[in-house]
Amino acid sequence: MLEFLRHDGNTDVWVVVWSAWCWFHLGEYKRALDLYLEVEARNNLEDSVADNIALDLAVCYFYLGMYPESQTAVEKAPSCPLKNRLQFHLSHKLGDEDALMQVHATLRDVPEDQLSLASVHYLRAHYQEAIDVYKKLLLDRRFKRYESDGKHWLKILPSLPSTYMALNVYVALCYYKLDYYDVSQEVLGIYLAQYPTSTVAGNLKACNLFKLYNAKAAENELKQISSEQHTFGQDLVKHNLVVFKNGEGALKVLPELVDVVPEARLNLAGYKLRHREPLEARMLLEPLQPTSPLHYILRAVVAVRLYNETNDEEQMKLAQQSFHIVGSSASECDTIPGRQCMASSYFLAGQFEEVLVYLNSIKSFFVNDDTFNFNYGQAKVATGFYREAEESLLAIQDENIRNSFTYLACLCRCHVMNKEAHLAWEICVKSAGTPDSFALLQLVANDSYRMGQFLVAAKAFHMLDRLDGGPEMWEGLRGAVCGCAQSAAAGARSGQLREALALLRGAHPRAEHIVRPIVRWAHQNRIQV
């Protein structure tokens, strides 16, 4: 009707103002802003209209993420409760702690102000404090107090007024952030029973399904929110569909949402990280100071990647510090991500006993998680628990991990330390010709020698001698063959000595000086070589 009146030539200011109001409540903040600016530009506006327009503009700017512009506009508005609430939110967004505390003192014990307080608690990751505010508001609406003979008692009302049903969504959001996904889903069900087509509630349900079950269930739930029925929240829906599809369409959707959906910047940085673009990820994260655990974690991972590429010790310190901040924070220390962060901080510091304290506490949640098993296996290797380390490493299915040098080196060490050096030698044979083959041969050669598995040591040193020809390789080969002779004297199979002597013959001009006495000794003891 308003659009018809405008196209029909009606120039009344209230037609434009109410059109803007409608666009705002449809989530079309830019269209609302343009109309309010059109009104502001008019001459001879009534004072009441001008005052309202200043506040309306400030609210539109706020919803568009244009916080400095919102701050400038709100200063022109007359004092009122809405102005206080908007300034409260702006001081948080702009990081002005002094202003935040000043406006906080002006908030009243009324639902609108308390909801703003709970909202800022939520945005500052104080989820339990937000829940306390929401629960108080719920209880205030659910109970009435009566007096009788000077005593008080409570009478339960049969149901909540529908205007406060949304509090259940806010409580569910807080429980989601605290990783209580099943509780979140239960609380959310109260709201969805009455409003099954809600975009925000449907999106939260999809996020809970993602955490509780899988991405497919979450994606199916989110697809039920049709863009034809809902204009509000479509940015959120598009963003989360990218997440549920494991980054599919990220470069098309996320860049335009970086300053609209807060998580879009972090998810885009995560996408860049997964595609080995740590510098691009850092550029995305740098404009903002970390305020959420995810932001700190991403900053830490970016720093680790950059350290691996540049050996910049400052990046290593930044990574350790960022992981430690999350792991030691009161809100995260008992969560699974918090313990992972603490383990990561100790991992980077080389304190692997401490790493296992944290990883052991969450191991049951990551039975089939390749990344967890990889980190767990490395920590077990570093602390000498080779059998358990071998089990974790062999459980990994990801081919990228299984082909990495760190994985192969850890698995070879486990095989050798578990008296299965022949398995380590098989890995070396398969890796022949790769950039990491020489380092693997060195590891297997030295570990096998140290563990008395001399035949594998001899094979590895023989291969190294052929590749490098240095004196250390010859000495290693000579010592390993002598070790095989010692094992034969102790009752080991003669076949190992025969194989070792075959490796030594022709390997060096002085080889016969070692071969002859060993062969003579073998014949004297009736050992076939």
Protein backbone atom coordinates (compact mmCIF):
# COMPACT_ATOMS: atom_id res chain seq x y z
CA MET A 1 0.00 0.00 0.00
CA LEU A 2 2.81 2.40 0.90
CA GLU A 3 4.61 1.70 -2.38
CA PHE A 4 1.35 2.29 -4.27
CA LEU A 5 0.85 5.64 -2.51
CA ARG A 6 4.39 6.73 -3.34
CA HIS A 7 4.06 5.78 -7.01
CA ASP A 8 0.69 7.50 -7.08
CA GLY A 9 2.39 10.79 -6.29
CA ASN A 10 1.81 11.00 -2.53
CA THR A 11 4.68 13.11 -1.11
CA ASP A 12 3.61 13.01 2.53
CA VAL A 13 6.69 12.48 4.75
CA TRP A 14 4.98 9.76 6.77
CA VAL A 15 4.50 7.60 3.68
CA VAL A 16 8.29 7.56 3.17
CA VAL A 17 8.97 7.06 6.88
CA TRP A 18 6.60 4.09 7.16
CA SER A 19 8.01 2.61 3.94
CA ALA A 20 11.48 2.79 5.49
CA TRP A 21 10.12 1.20 8.68
CA CYS A 22 8.74 -1.71 6.67
CA TRP A 23 11.94 -2.24 4.71
CA PHE A 24 13.91 -2.22 7.96
CA HIS A 25 11.74 -4.93 9.51
CA LEU A 26 12.06 -6.98 6.33
CA GLY A 27 15.82 -6.96 6.85
CA GLU A 28 16.43 -4.63 3.91
CA TYR A 29 18.51 -2.15 5.91
CA LYS A 30 20.13 -0.44 2.92
CA ARG A 31 16.76 0.36 1.33
CA ALA A 32 15.50 1.65 4.68
CA LEU A 33 18.60 3.80 5.08
CA ASP A 34 18.18 5.34 1.61
CA LEU A 35 14.59 6.32 2.42
CA TYR A 36 15.54 7.82 5.79
CA LEU A 37 18.32 9.82 4.07
CA GLU A 38 15.73 11.04 1.56
CA VAL A 39 13.56 12.26 4.43
CA GLU A 40 16.55 13.87 6.20
CA ALA A 41 17.34 15.86 3.05
CA ARG A 42 13.91 17.47 3.02
CA ASN A 43 13.52 21.07 4.13
CA ASN A 44 11.25 22.32 6.91
CA LEU A 45 10.96 18.96 8.73
CA GLU A 46 9.05 19.02 11.98
CA ASP A 47 11.34 18.77 15.02
CA SER A 48 9.75 15.49 16.10
CA VAL A 49 10.39 13.96 12.68
CA ALA A 50 13.99 15.25 12.52
CA ASP A 51 14.74 13.80 15.99
CA ASN A 52 13.28 10.42 15.06
CA ILE A 53 15.10 10.35 11.71
CA ALA A 54 18.49 10.85 13.40
CA LEU A 55 17.86 7.82 15.62
CA ASP A 56 16.44 5.75 12.73
CA LEU A 57 19.51 6.50 10.63
CA ALA A 58 21.78 5.49 13.51
CA VAL A 59 19.97 2.16 13.87
CA CYS A 60 20.17 1.45 10.12
CA TYR A 61 23.88 2.26 10.07
CA PHE A 62 24.36 -0.07 13.04
CA TYR A 63 22.61 -2.97 11.32
CA LEU A 64 24.73 -2.39 8.21
CA GLY A 65 27.91 -2.62 10.31
CA MET A 66 28.73 1.06 9.69
CA TYR A 67 29.50 1.78 13.35
CA PRO A 68 31.36 5.14 13.08
CA GLU A 69 28.51 6.51 10.95
CA SER A 70 26.01 5.16 13.47
CA GLN A 71 27.93 6.85 16.30
CA THR A 72 27.85 10.20 14.48
CA ALA A 73 24.11 9.93 13.77
CA VAL A 74 23.09 8.87 17.29
CA GLU A 75 24.84 11.86 18.85
CA LYS A 76 22.30 14.11 17.06
CA ALA A 77 19.34 12.21 18.52
CA PRO A 78 17.62 13.35 21.71
CA SER A 79 18.13 11.34 24.89
CA CYS A 80 15.83 8.35 25.21
CA PRO A 81 16.05 4.68 26.30
CA LEU A 82 16.58 3.49 22.69
CA LYS A 83 19.51 5.90 22.30
CA ASN A 84 21.06 4.50 25.49
CA ARG A 85 20.73 0.94 24.26
CA LEU A 86 22.18 1.79 20.85
CA GLN A 87 25.14 3.58 22.46
CA PHE A 88 25.66 0.54 24.68
CA HIS A 89 25.94 -1.70 21.63
CA LEU A 90 28.08 0.81 19.74
CA SER A 91 30.58 1.15 22.57
CA HIS A 92 31.00 -2.63 22.49
CA LYS A 93 31.39 -2.73 18.69
CA LEU A 94 33.90 0.14 18.72
CA GLY A 95 35.83 -1.34 21.66
CA ASP A 96 35.29 1.71 23.89
CA GLU A 97 35.32 0.13 27.38
CA ASP A 98 34.93 3.44 29.24
CA ALA A 99 31.81 4.38 27.27
CA LEU A 100 30.49 0.84 27.69
CA MET A 101 30.69 1.04 31.47
CA GLN A 102 29.15 4.54 31.52
CA VAL A 103 26.15 3.47 29.46
CA HIS A 104 25.91 0.22 31.39
CA ALA A 105 25.22 2.26 34.52
CA THR A 106 22.21 3.90 32.83
CA LEU A 107 20.47 0.62 31.91
CA ARG A 108 17.20 0.04 33.73
CA ASP A 109 15.63 -3.12 35.10
CA VAL A 110 13.19 -3.36 32.20
CA PRO A 111 13.07 -6.14 29.57
CA GLU A 112 14.38 -4.01 26.68
CA ASP A 113 17.48 -2.85 28.58
CA GLN A 114 18.10 -6.25 30.15
CA LEU A 115 17.90 -7.88 26.72
CA SER A 116 20.56 -5.48 25.45
CA LEU A 117 22.72 -6.34 28.46
CA ALA A 118 22.31 -10.07 27.77
CA SER A 119 23.12 -9.46 24.10
CA VAL A 120 26.43 -7.78 24.92
CA HIS A 121 27.23 -10.55 27.42
CA TYR A 122 26.67 -13.01 24.56
CA LEU A 123 28.84 -11.03 22.14
CA ARG A 124 31.64 -10.90 24.73
CA ALA A 125 31.44 -14.71 25.12
CA HIS A 126 29.96 -14.43 28.65
CA TYR A 127 27.33 -17.03 27.82
CA GLN A 128 26.43 -18.09 31.34
CA GLU A 129 25.84 -14.46 32.37
CA ALA A 130 23.57 -14.05 29.33
CA ILE A 131 21.64 -17.21 30.27
CA ASP A 132 21.14 -15.85 33.80
CA VAL A 133 19.57 -12.66 32.42
CA TYR A 134 17.32 -14.57 30.00
CA LYS A 135 16.21 -17.04 32.67
CA LYS A 136 15.33 -14.20 35.05
CA LEU A 137 13.23 -12.59 32.33
CA LEU A 138 11.54 -15.93 31.63
CA LEU A 139 10.80 -16.47 35.32
CA ASP A 140 9.49 -12.91 35.73
CA ARG A 141 6.96 -13.65 32.98
CA ARG A 142 6.16 -17.14 34.18
CA PHE A 143 5.41 -16.36 37.81
CA LYS A 144 3.30 -13.80 39.65
CA ARG A 145 3.71 -12.92 43.33
CA TYR A 146 0.67 -12.62 45.59
CA GLU A 147 0.40 -11.45 49.21
CA SER A 148 -1.63 -13.14 51.95
CA ASP A 149 -1.39 -12.42 55.70
CA GLY A 150 1.96 -10.76 55.17
CA LYS A 151 3.48 -13.84 53.49
CA HIS A 152 4.55 -14.30 49.90
CA TRP A 153 4.15 -17.26 47.55
CA LEU A 154 4.41 -17.92 43.83
CA LYS A 155 1.68 -18.96 41.49
CA ILE A 156 2.67 -20.52 38.15
CA LEU A 157 0.97 -19.04 35.12
CA PRO A 158 -0.28 -21.62 32.58
CA SER A 159 1.91 -20.35 29.70
CA LEU A 160 4.27 -17.62 28.61
CA PRO A 161 3.00 -14.61 26.71
CA SER A 162 3.89 -15.19 23.08
CA THR A 163 5.92 -11.95 22.99
CA TYR A 164 8.58 -13.58 25.20
CA MET A 165 8.83 -16.91 23.40
CA ALA A 166 11.94 -15.72 21.57
CA LEU A 167 13.85 -15.81 24.85
CA ASN A 168 13.99 -19.57 24.37
CA VAL A 169 15.91 -19.02 21.13
CA TYR A 170 18.41 -16.77 22.92
CA VAL A 171 18.91 -19.31 25.70
CA ALA A 172 19.34 -22.04 23.08
CA LEU A 173 21.99 -19.91 21.32
CA CYS A 174 23.94 -19.60 24.58
CA TYR A 175 23.79 -23.35 25.22
CA TYR A 176 24.98 -23.91 21.65
CA LYS A 177 27.98 -21.67 22.31
CA LEU A 178 28.70 -23.65 25.49
CA ASP A 179 28.71 -26.89 23.42
CA TYR A 180 25.52 -28.20 25.06
CA TYR A 181 23.94 -28.99 21.71
CA ASP A 182 21.35 -31.44 23.00
CA VAL A 183 20.18 -28.96 25.66
CA SER A 184 20.11 -26.22 23.04
CA GLN A 185 17.95 -28.38 20.78
CA GLU A 186 15.54 -29.14 23.63
CA VAL A 187 15.07 -25.47 24.56
CA LEU A 188 14.77 -24.49 20.91
CA GLY A 189 11.97 -27.02 20.41
CA ILE A 190 9.71 -24.94 22.71
CA TYR A 191 9.90 -22.04 20.26
CA LEU A 192 9.78 -24.08 17.07
CA ALA A 193 6.59 -25.79 18.25
CA GLN A 194 4.85 -22.42 17.88
CA TYR A 195 6.93 -20.87 15.09
CA PRO A 196 8.15 -23.69 12.85
CA THR A 197 9.08 -21.37 9.93
CA SER A 198 11.40 -19.08 11.91
CA THR A 199 14.62 -18.38 10.03
CA VAL A 200 16.78 -17.80 13.12
CA ALA A 201 15.42 -20.82 14.99
CA GLY A 202 15.60 -23.04 11.91
CA ASN A 203 19.20 -21.97 11.34
CA LEU A 204 20.11 -22.76 14.95
CA LYS A 205 18.43 -26.16 14.70
CA ALA A 206 20.52 -26.87 11.60
CA CYS A 207 23.69 -25.86 13.47
CA ASN A 208 22.80 -28.21 16.35
CA LEU A 209 22.21 -31.05 13.88
CA PHE A 210 25.59 -30.29 12.32
CA LYS A 211 27.29 -30.67 15.71
CA LEU A 212 25.22 -33.63 16.92
CA TYR A 213 24.97 -35.65 13.70
CA ASN A 214 26.42 -34.62 10.34
CA ALA A 215 26.55 -31.92 7.67
CA LYS A 216 23.94 -33.59 5.48
CA ALA A 217 21.26 -33.46 8.19
CA ALA A 218 22.11 -29.80 8.82
CA GLU A 219 22.02 -28.94 5.12
CA ASN A 220 18.60 -30.60 4.66
CA GLU A 221 17.22 -28.63 7.61
CA LEU A 222 18.55 -25.34 6.29
CA LYS A 223 17.22 -25.92 2.77
CA GLN A 224 13.70 -25.90 4.22
CA ILE A 225 14.15 -22.18 4.87
CA SER A 226 13.04 -21.00 1.44
CA SER A 227 14.32 -17.68 0.16
CA GLU A 228 10.90 -17.08 -1.34
CA GLN A 229 9.26 -17.14 2.09
CA HIS A 230 11.97 -15.34 4.07
CA THR A 231 13.93 -12.22 3.28
CA PHE A 232 15.39 -11.84 6.78
CA GLY A 233 18.46 -13.91 7.59
CA GLN A 234 19.30 -15.03 4.07
CA ASP A 235 22.92 -13.92 4.49
CA LEU A 236 23.13 -16.23 7.51
CA VAL A 237 21.58 -19.10 5.57
CA LYS A 238 23.95 -18.66 2.60
CA HIS A 239 26.93 -18.49 4.94
CA ASN A 240 26.04 -21.64 6.85
CA LEU A 241 25.28 -23.62 3.71
CA VAL A 242 28.89 -23.00 2.67
CA VAL A 243 30.02 -24.36 6.05
CA PHE A 244 27.77 -27.44 5.83
CA LYS A 245 29.08 -28.14 2.32
CA ASN A 246 32.65 -28.10 3.63
CA GLY A 247 33.60 -24.84 1.93
CA GLU A 248 31.90 -25.40 -1.43
CA GLY A 249 31.22 -21.97 -2.94
CA ALA A 250 33.27 -20.20 -0.27
CA LEU A 251 35.00 -17.79 -2.64
CA LYS A 252 31.68 -16.82 -4.19
CA VAL A 253 29.66 -16.34 -0.99
CA LEU A 254 31.98 -15.46 1.91
CA PRO A 255 33.89 -12.38 0.60
CA GLU A 256 30.69 -10.32 0.30
CA LEU A 257 29.66 -11.37 3.84
CA VAL A 258 32.96 -10.56 5.57
CA ASP A 259 31.58 -7.39 7.19
CA VAL A 260 28.00 -8.68 7.49
CA VAL A 261 28.24 -12.07 9.22
CA PRO A 262 31.10 -11.97 11.79
CA GLU A 263 31.98 -15.63 11.27
CA ALA A 264 32.36 -15.11 7.50
CA ARG A 265 35.76 -13.43 7.94
CA LEU A 266 36.96 -16.29 10.16
CA ASN A 267 35.60 -19.01 7.88
CA LEU A 268 37.15 -17.39 4.83
CA ALA A 269 40.47 -17.27 6.68
CA GLY A 270 40.02 -20.95 7.52
CA TYR A 271 39.33 -21.70 3.85
CA LYS A 272 42.54 -19.89 2.86
CA LEU A 273 44.46 -21.89 5.46
CA ARG A 274 43.16 -25.22 4.15
CA HIS A 275 44.28 -24.19 0.67
CA ARG A 276 47.79 -23.33 1.90
CA GLU A 277 47.44 -19.56 1.71
CA PRO A 278 48.50 -18.48 5.24
CA LEU A 279 49.47 -14.94 4.20
CA GLU A 280 45.99 -14.31 2.75
CA ALA A 281 44.48 -15.77 5.94
CA ARG A 282 46.57 -13.43 8.08
CA MET A 283 45.47 -10.42 6.03
CA LEU A 284 41.85 -11.32 6.74
CA LEU A 285 42.42 -11.72 10.48
CA GLU A 286 44.70 -8.72 11.10
CA PRO A 287 42.14 -5.87 10.87
CA LEU A 288 40.32 -7.12 14.01
CA GLN A 289 41.59 -7.84 17.50
CA PRO A 290 40.64 -11.41 18.50
CA THR A 291 37.51 -11.48 20.64
CA SER A 292 36.39 -15.09 20.22
CA PRO A 293 38.10 -18.44 20.83
CA LEU A 294 37.81 -19.27 17.11
CA HIS A 295 39.63 -16.06 16.17
CA TYR A 296 42.47 -16.85 18.60
CA ILE A 297 42.69 -20.42 17.29
CA LEU A 298 42.83 -19.28 13.67
CA ARG A 299 45.50 -16.71 14.53
CA ALA A 300 47.53 -19.45 16.22
CA VAL A 301 47.26 -21.85 13.28
CA VAL A 302 48.20 -19.11 10.81
CA ALA A 303 51.24 -18.29 12.95
CA VAL A 304 52.30 -21.97 12.99
CA ARG A 305 51.99 -22.17 9.20
CA LEU A 306 54.05 -19.00 8.77
CA TYR A 307 56.68 -20.32 11.21
CA ASN A 308 56.95 -23.51 9.15
CA GLU A 309 57.60 -21.42 6.05
CA THR A 310 59.84 -18.70 7.50
CA ASN A 311 61.29 -20.08 10.79
CA ASP A 312 60.30 -16.75 12.38
CA GLU A 313 60.44 -17.38 16.15
CA GLU A 314 58.01 -14.51 16.77
CA GLN A 315 55.35 -16.46 14.89
CA MET A 316 55.98 -19.48 17.13
CA LYS A 317 55.63 -17.33 20.27
CA LEU A 318 52.39 -15.82 18.91
CA ALA A 319 50.98 -19.29 18.21
CA GLN A 320 51.84 -20.60 21.69
CA GLN A 321 50.41 -17.48 23.32
CA SER A 322 47.17 -17.60 21.32
CA PHE A 323 46.58 -21.28 22.03
CA HIS A 324 47.33 -20.71 25.73
CA ILE A 325 44.89 -17.79 25.98
CA VAL A 326 42.04 -20.00 24.79
CA GLY A 327 43.06 -23.08 26.76
CA SER A 328 43.46 -21.22 30.04
CA SER A 329 40.38 -18.98 29.78
CA ALA A 330 37.62 -19.58 32.30
CA SER A 331 35.00 -20.02 29.58
CA GLU A 332 37.01 -22.51 27.49
CA CYS A 333 39.30 -24.42 29.87
CA ASP A 334 36.80 -27.25 30.37
CA THR A 335 35.58 -27.42 26.78
CA ILE A 336 36.94 -29.78 24.14
CA PRO A 337 38.40 -26.95 21.96
CA GLY A 338 39.93 -25.42 25.09
CA ARG A 339 41.75 -28.63 25.96
CA GLN A 340 42.86 -29.04 22.36
CA CYS A 341 44.32 -25.52 22.50
CA MET A 342 46.16 -26.22 25.76
CA ALA A 343 47.55 -29.42 24.25
CA SER A 344 48.65 -27.47 21.15
CA SER A 345 50.41 -24.84 23.27
CA TYR A 346 52.37 -27.52 25.13
CA PHE A 347 53.00 -29.37 21.85
CA LEU A 348 54.70 -26.32 20.34
CA ALA A 349 56.73 -25.93 23.54
CA GLY A 350 57.87 -29.56 23.31
CA GLN A 351 56.27 -30.51 26.66
CA PHE A 352 54.72 -33.75 25.45
CA GLU A 353 53.88 -35.21 28.87
CA GLU A 354 51.58 -32.22 29.39
CA VAL A 355 50.19 -32.68 25.88
CA LEU A 356 49.07 -36.21 26.77
CA VAL A 357 47.36 -35.02 29.96
CA TYR A 358 44.97 -32.95 27.84
CA LEU A 359 44.64 -35.27 24.85
CA ASN A 360 43.91 -38.29 27.07
CA SER A 361 41.01 -36.38 28.65
CA ILE A 362 39.26 -35.92 25.27
CA LYS A 363 40.45 -39.01 23.41
CA SER A 364 37.03 -40.70 23.51
CA PHE A 365 35.54 -37.86 21.44
CA PHE A 366 38.01 -38.35 18.56
CA VAL A 367 38.20 -42.09 18.04
CA ASN A 368 38.19 -41.86 14.24
CA ASP A 369 39.59 -38.34 13.84
CA ASP A 370 42.74 -38.48 11.70
CA THR A 371 44.15 -35.14 12.85
CA PHE A 372 43.69 -36.03 16.52
CA ASN A 373 45.26 -39.47 16.02
CA PHE A 374 48.22 -37.87 14.22
CA ASN A 375 48.90 -35.41 17.04
CA TYR A 376 48.26 -38.09 19.68
CA GLY A 377 50.64 -40.48 17.91
CA GLN A 378 53.40 -37.86 17.75
CA ALA A 379 53.03 -37.08 21.46
CA LYS A 380 53.17 -40.81 22.29
CA VAL A 381 56.32 -41.22 20.19
CA ALA A 382 57.96 -38.25 21.94
CA THR A 383 57.20 -39.77 25.38
CA GLY A 384 58.27 -43.30 24.48
CA PHE A 385 54.87 -45.04 24.31
CA TYR A 386 55.63 -46.64 20.97
CA ARG A 387 53.01 -49.40 20.91
CA GLU A 388 50.15 -46.95 21.59
CA ALA A 389 51.67 -44.48 19.13
CA GLU A 390 51.77 -47.15 16.44
CA GLU A 391 48.08 -47.98 16.99
CA SER A 392 47.10 -44.30 16.62
CA LEU A 393 49.19 -43.78 13.51
CA LEU A 394 47.92 -46.92 11.78
CA ALA A 395 44.32 -45.82 12.42
CA ILE A 396 44.80 -42.75 10.19
CA GLN A 397 43.07 -42.93 6.79
CA ASP A 398 43.89 -39.50 5.31
CA GLU A 399 46.35 -40.07 2.46
CA ASN A 400 47.84 -36.58 2.77
CA ILE A 401 48.84 -37.33 6.36
CA ARG A 402 49.99 -40.87 5.56
CA ASN A 403 52.33 -39.56 2.84
CA SER A 404 53.87 -36.82 4.98
CA PHE A 405 57.45 -37.14 6.23
CA THR A 406 56.44 -36.62 9.87
CA TYR A 407 53.96 -39.49 9.71
CA LEU A 408 56.41 -41.86 8.00
CA ALA A 409 59.23 -40.92 10.39
CA CYS A 410 57.04 -41.48 13.47
CA LEU A 411 55.73 -44.80 12.14
CA CYS A 412 59.24 -46.03 11.25
CA ARG A 413 60.46 -45.18 14.75
CA CYS A 414 57.50 -47.03 16.27
CA HIS A 415 58.19 -50.14 14.18
CA VAL A 416 61.85 -50.15 15.15
CA MET A 417 61.21 -49.52 18.85
CA ASN A 418 58.56 -52.25 18.84
CA LYS A 419 61.14 -54.74 17.46
CA GLU A 420 59.55 -54.74 14.01
CA ALA A 421 62.34 -53.01 12.10
CA HIS A 422 61.55 -54.98 8.94
CA LEU A 423 58.29 -53.00 8.66
CA ALA A 424 60.26 -49.76 8.85
CA TRP A 425 62.56 -51.05 6.09
CA GLU A 426 59.50 -51.75 3.89
CA ILE A 427 58.47 -48.11 4.31
CA CYS A 428 61.97 -47.00 3.26
CA VAL A 429 61.81 -49.20 0.15
CA LYS A 430 58.42 -47.74 -0.83
CA SER A 431 59.73 -44.19 -0.28
CA ALA A 432 62.82 -44.70 -2.44
CA GLY A 433 63.32 -41.82 -4.88
CA THR A 434 61.21 -39.32 -2.90
CA PRO A 435 62.67 -36.13 -1.36
CA ASP A 436 62.29 -37.61 2.13
CA SER A 437 63.88 -41.00 1.43
CA PHE A 438 67.40 -40.05 2.61
CA ALA A 439 66.18 -38.66 5.95
CA LEU A 440 64.01 -41.76 6.51
CA LEU A 441 66.95 -44.06 5.80
CA GLN A 442 69.08 -42.16 8.31
CA LEU A 443 66.40 -42.44 10.98
CA VAL A 444 65.81 -46.16 10.41
CA ALA A 445 69.53 -46.91 10.21
CA ASN A 446 70.38 -45.19 13.49
CA ASP A 447 67.29 -46.35 15.41
CA SER A 448 67.73 -49.96 14.26
CA TYR A 449 71.41 -49.93 15.24
CA ARG A 450 70.57 -48.53 18.65
CA MET A 451 67.86 -51.16 19.20
CA GLY A 452 70.13 -54.07 18.13
CA GLN A 453 68.18 -54.82 14.93
CA PHE A 454 71.41 -55.00 12.98
CA LEU A 455 70.27 -56.51 9.67
CA VAL A 456 67.85 -53.62 8.97
CA ALA A 457 70.52 -51.18 10.15
CA ALA A 458 72.99 -52.78 7.71
CA LYS A 459 70.49 -52.51 4.84
CA ALA A 460 69.79 -48.86 5.60
CA PHE A 461 73.48 -47.94 6.01
CA HIS A 462 74.31 -49.84 2.81
CA MET A 463 71.73 -47.79 0.91
CA LEU A 464 72.99 -44.56 2.50
CA ASP A 465 76.57 -45.50 1.61
CA ARG A 466 75.54 -45.92 -2.02
CA LEU A 467 73.70 -42.59 -2.02
CA ASP A 468 76.18 -40.54 -0.01
CA GLY A 469 79.45 -42.46 0.27
CA GLY A 470 80.54 -40.57 3.41
CA PRO A 471 82.76 -42.16 6.10
CA GLU A 472 79.90 -42.21 8.61
CA MET A 473 77.81 -44.44 6.36
CA TRP A 474 80.65 -46.92 5.91
CA GLU A 475 81.28 -47.00 9.64
CA GLY A 476 77.59 -47.58 10.28
CA LEU A 477 77.47 -50.43 7.75
CA ARG A 478 80.62 -52.03 9.19
CA GLY A 479 79.30 -51.80 12.73
CA ALA A 480 75.88 -53.21 11.76
CA VAL A 481 77.46 -56.25 10.07
CA CYS A 482 79.60 -56.86 13.13
CA GLY A 483 76.42 -56.59 15.16
CA CYS A 484 74.84 -59.30 13.00
CA ALA A 485 77.88 -61.51 13.74
CA GLN A 486 77.46 -60.84 17.44
CA SER A 487 73.75 -61.77 17.18
CA ALA A 488 74.69 -64.98 15.35
CA ALA A 489 77.08 -65.83 18.16
CA ALA A 490 74.22 -65.32 20.59
CA GLY A 491 72.06 -67.81 18.67
CA ALA A 492 70.27 -65.68 16.06
CA ARG A 493 69.38 -67.11 12.65
CA SER A 494 72.44 -67.51 10.40
CA GLY A 495 70.47 -66.19 7.42
CA GLN A 496 70.73 -62.65 8.80
CA LEU A 497 74.53 -62.87 8.96
CA ARG A 498 74.69 -64.24 5.42
CA GLU A 499 72.56 -61.33 4.17
CA ALA A 500 74.63 -58.78 6.05
CA LEU A 501 77.93 -60.13 4.68
CA ALA A 502 76.49 -59.93 1.14
CA LEU A 503 75.82 -56.24 1.72
CA LEU A 504 79.34 -55.63 2.99
CA ARG A 505 81.20 -57.40 0.16
CA GLY A 506 82.28 -54.89 -2.48
CA ALA A 507 80.89 -51.93 -0.51
CA HIS A 508 84.34 -50.62 0.44
CA PRO A 509 88.01 -51.40 -0.33
CA ARG A 510 88.56 -52.41 3.31
CA ALA A 511 85.44 -54.59 3.46
CA GLU A 512 87.40 -57.85 3.10
CA HIS A 513 89.33 -57.08 6.28
CA ILE A 514 86.03 -57.51 8.13
CA VAL A 515 84.43 -60.19 5.98
CA ARG A 516 87.34 -62.71 6.21
CA PRO A 517 87.56 -63.07 10.00
CA ILE A 518 83.75 -63.27 10.29
CA VAL A 519 83.57 -66.00 7.61
CA ARG A 520 86.44 -67.89 9.27
CA TRP A 521 84.71 -67.70 12.63
CA ALA A 522 81.42 -68.84 11.04
CA HIS A 523 83.06 -71.90 9.49
CA GLN A 524 84.71 -72.80 12.77
CA ASN A 525 81.31 -72.68 14.46
CA ARG A 526 79.56 -74.50 11.60
CA ILE A 527 77.43 -71.49 10.72
CA GLN A 528 76.56 -71.35 7.03
CA VAL A 529 77.30 -67.98 5.45
